[in-house]
N, C-alpha and C. Protein backbone atom coordinates (compact mmCIF):
# COMPACT_ATOMS: atom_id res chain seq x y z
N UNK A 1 12.39 12.43 3.31
CA UNK A 1 11.04 12.50 3.83
C UNK A 1 11.04 13.24 5.15
N UNK A 2 9.94 13.87 5.45
CA UNK A 2 9.84 14.66 6.67
C UNK A 2 9.19 13.84 7.79
N UNK A 3 9.50 12.55 7.85
CA UNK A 3 9.04 11.67 8.92
C UNK A 3 10.23 10.83 9.39
N UNK A 4 10.09 10.27 10.57
CA UNK A 4 11.20 9.50 11.13
C UNK A 4 11.34 8.13 10.48
N UNK A 5 12.50 7.53 10.62
CA UNK A 5 12.77 6.21 10.05
C UNK A 5 11.81 5.16 10.62
N UNK A 6 11.54 5.16 11.95
CA UNK A 6 10.58 4.17 12.45
C UNK A 6 9.18 4.31 11.82
N UNK A 7 8.78 5.53 11.51
CA UNK A 7 7.48 5.75 10.88
C UNK A 7 7.46 5.16 9.47
N UNK A 8 8.53 5.37 8.72
CA UNK A 8 8.62 4.80 7.38
C UNK A 8 8.62 3.28 7.45
N UNK A 9 9.39 2.72 8.39
CA UNK A 9 9.43 1.27 8.55
C UNK A 9 8.06 0.70 8.89
N UNK A 10 7.33 1.39 9.75
CA UNK A 10 5.98 0.94 10.12
C UNK A 10 5.06 0.91 8.90
N UNK A 11 5.09 1.98 8.11
CA UNK A 11 4.21 2.05 6.95
C UNK A 11 4.59 1.02 5.89
N UNK A 12 5.89 0.78 5.71
CA UNK A 12 6.32 -0.27 4.77
C UNK A 12 5.85 -1.64 5.26
N UNK A 13 5.88 -1.85 6.57
CA UNK A 13 5.39 -3.12 7.13
C UNK A 13 3.89 -3.28 6.85
N UNK A 14 3.13 -2.21 7.01
CA UNK A 14 1.69 -2.26 6.74
C UNK A 14 1.44 -2.57 5.27
N UNK A 15 2.19 -1.92 4.38
CA UNK A 15 2.04 -2.19 2.95
C UNK A 15 2.42 -3.62 2.61
N UNK A 16 3.46 -4.14 3.27
CA UNK A 16 3.87 -5.54 3.04
C UNK A 16 2.79 -6.50 3.51
N UNK A 17 2.24 -6.25 4.71
CA UNK A 17 1.18 -7.11 5.24
C UNK A 17 -0.08 -7.05 4.38
N UNK A 18 -0.31 -5.92 3.72
CA UNK A 18 -1.46 -5.77 2.83
C UNK A 18 -1.22 -6.42 1.47
N UNK A 19 0.01 -6.84 1.23
CA UNK A 19 0.32 -7.51 -0.03
C UNK A 19 0.62 -6.56 -1.19
N UNK A 20 0.90 -5.29 -0.88
CA UNK A 20 1.17 -4.32 -1.94
C UNK A 20 2.65 -4.21 -2.29
N UNK A 21 3.52 -4.59 -1.36
CA UNK A 21 4.96 -4.56 -1.61
C UNK A 21 5.57 -5.87 -1.16
N UNK A 22 6.67 -6.22 -1.79
CA UNK A 22 7.45 -7.38 -1.38
C UNK A 22 8.68 -6.89 -0.65
N UNK A 23 9.34 -7.78 0.07
CA UNK A 23 10.54 -7.38 0.79
C UNK A 23 11.50 -8.55 0.90
N UNK A 24 12.76 -8.19 1.11
CA UNK A 24 13.80 -9.19 1.30
C UNK A 24 14.83 -8.62 2.27
N UNK A 25 15.15 -9.38 3.30
CA UNK A 25 16.17 -8.94 4.25
C UNK A 25 17.53 -9.41 3.76
N UNK A 26 18.48 -8.47 3.75
CA UNK A 26 19.88 -8.78 3.41
C UNK A 26 20.73 -8.19 4.52
N UNK A 27 21.09 -9.05 5.48
CA UNK A 27 21.84 -8.57 6.64
C UNK A 27 20.94 -7.70 7.50
N UNK A 28 21.38 -6.47 7.76
CA UNK A 28 20.56 -5.57 8.57
C UNK A 28 19.64 -4.70 7.72
N UNK A 29 19.75 -4.79 6.41
CA UNK A 29 18.93 -3.99 5.50
C UNK A 29 17.73 -4.80 5.02
N UNK A 30 16.63 -4.10 4.79
CA UNK A 30 15.46 -4.73 4.18
C UNK A 30 15.17 -3.95 2.90
N UNK A 31 15.06 -4.67 1.80
CA UNK A 31 14.77 -4.07 0.49
C UNK A 31 13.31 -4.31 0.16
N UNK A 32 12.63 -3.26 -0.30
CA UNK A 32 11.21 -3.33 -0.64
C UNK A 32 11.02 -3.03 -2.11
N UNK A 33 9.97 -3.60 -2.69
CA UNK A 33 9.60 -3.31 -4.07
C UNK A 33 8.09 -3.43 -4.21
N UNK A 34 7.55 -2.70 -5.18
CA UNK A 34 6.11 -2.74 -5.45
C UNK A 34 5.78 -4.05 -6.17
N UNK A 35 4.66 -4.65 -5.81
CA UNK A 35 4.17 -5.84 -6.50
C UNK A 35 3.19 -5.37 -7.58
N UNK A 36 3.60 -5.41 -8.86
CA UNK A 36 2.79 -4.84 -9.93
C UNK A 36 1.36 -5.36 -9.99
N UNK A 37 1.16 -6.66 -9.78
CA UNK A 37 -0.20 -7.22 -9.86
C UNK A 37 -1.09 -6.63 -8.76
N UNK A 38 -0.54 -6.48 -7.56
CA UNK A 38 -1.31 -5.92 -6.45
C UNK A 38 -1.62 -4.45 -6.71
N UNK A 39 -0.66 -3.73 -7.27
CA UNK A 39 -0.87 -2.32 -7.59
C UNK A 39 -1.93 -2.15 -8.67
N UNK A 40 -1.93 -3.02 -9.66
CA UNK A 40 -2.94 -2.97 -10.72
C UNK A 40 -4.33 -3.25 -10.14
N UNK A 41 -4.41 -4.22 -9.26
CA UNK A 41 -5.69 -4.56 -8.63
C UNK A 41 -6.21 -3.38 -7.80
N UNK A 42 -5.32 -2.74 -7.05
CA UNK A 42 -5.70 -1.58 -6.24
C UNK A 42 -6.14 -0.43 -7.14
N UNK A 43 -5.43 -0.23 -8.23
CA UNK A 43 -5.77 0.83 -9.18
C UNK A 43 -7.17 0.62 -9.75
N UNK A 44 -7.48 -0.62 -10.10
CA UNK A 44 -8.81 -0.95 -10.62
C UNK A 44 -9.88 -0.65 -9.57
N UNK A 45 -9.61 -1.03 -8.35
CA UNK A 45 -10.56 -0.79 -7.26
C UNK A 45 -10.80 0.70 -7.05
N UNK A 46 -9.74 1.49 -7.11
CA UNK A 46 -9.87 2.93 -6.87
C UNK A 46 -10.53 3.66 -8.02
N UNK A 47 -10.54 3.06 -9.22
CA UNK A 47 -11.16 3.70 -10.38
C UNK A 47 -12.64 3.39 -10.50
N UNK A 48 -13.15 2.52 -9.64
CA UNK A 48 -14.56 2.16 -9.70
C UNK A 48 -15.40 3.38 -9.32
N UNK A 49 -16.34 3.77 -10.17
CA UNK A 49 -17.16 4.94 -9.85
C UNK A 49 -18.01 4.69 -8.59
N UNK A 50 -18.10 5.71 -7.79
CA UNK A 50 -18.89 5.62 -6.57
C UNK A 50 -20.37 5.65 -6.91
N UNK A 51 -21.16 4.93 -6.13
CA UNK A 51 -22.61 4.95 -6.29
C UNK A 51 -23.13 6.21 -5.60
N UNK A 52 -23.91 7.03 -6.30
CA UNK A 52 -24.42 8.24 -5.67
C UNK A 52 -25.30 7.93 -4.45
N UNK A 53 -25.13 8.71 -3.42
CA UNK A 53 -25.94 8.53 -2.21
C UNK A 53 -27.38 8.95 -2.50
N UNK A 54 -28.30 8.22 -1.95
CA UNK A 54 -29.72 8.57 -2.12
C UNK A 54 -30.10 9.57 -1.04
N UNK A 55 -30.88 10.56 -1.43
CA UNK A 55 -31.34 11.54 -0.46
C UNK A 55 -32.59 11.02 0.23
N UNK A 56 -32.71 11.28 1.52
CA UNK A 56 -33.90 10.82 2.25
C UNK A 56 -35.17 11.46 1.70
N UNK A 57 -36.25 10.72 1.72
CA UNK A 57 -37.52 11.23 1.19
C UNK A 57 -38.23 12.11 2.18
């Protein structure tokens, strides 16, 4: 990746706090994985058609 390790760690922390990934610390390493149920829920949310904006009269 073309970003620094602290940046990746920060974003993984944000995803973990949002409930999209799980994590487990093993010594100095932290292992992350996608939570399928959370990803499915997010996918459903993102597929919802947008309501067209109304134009002012």
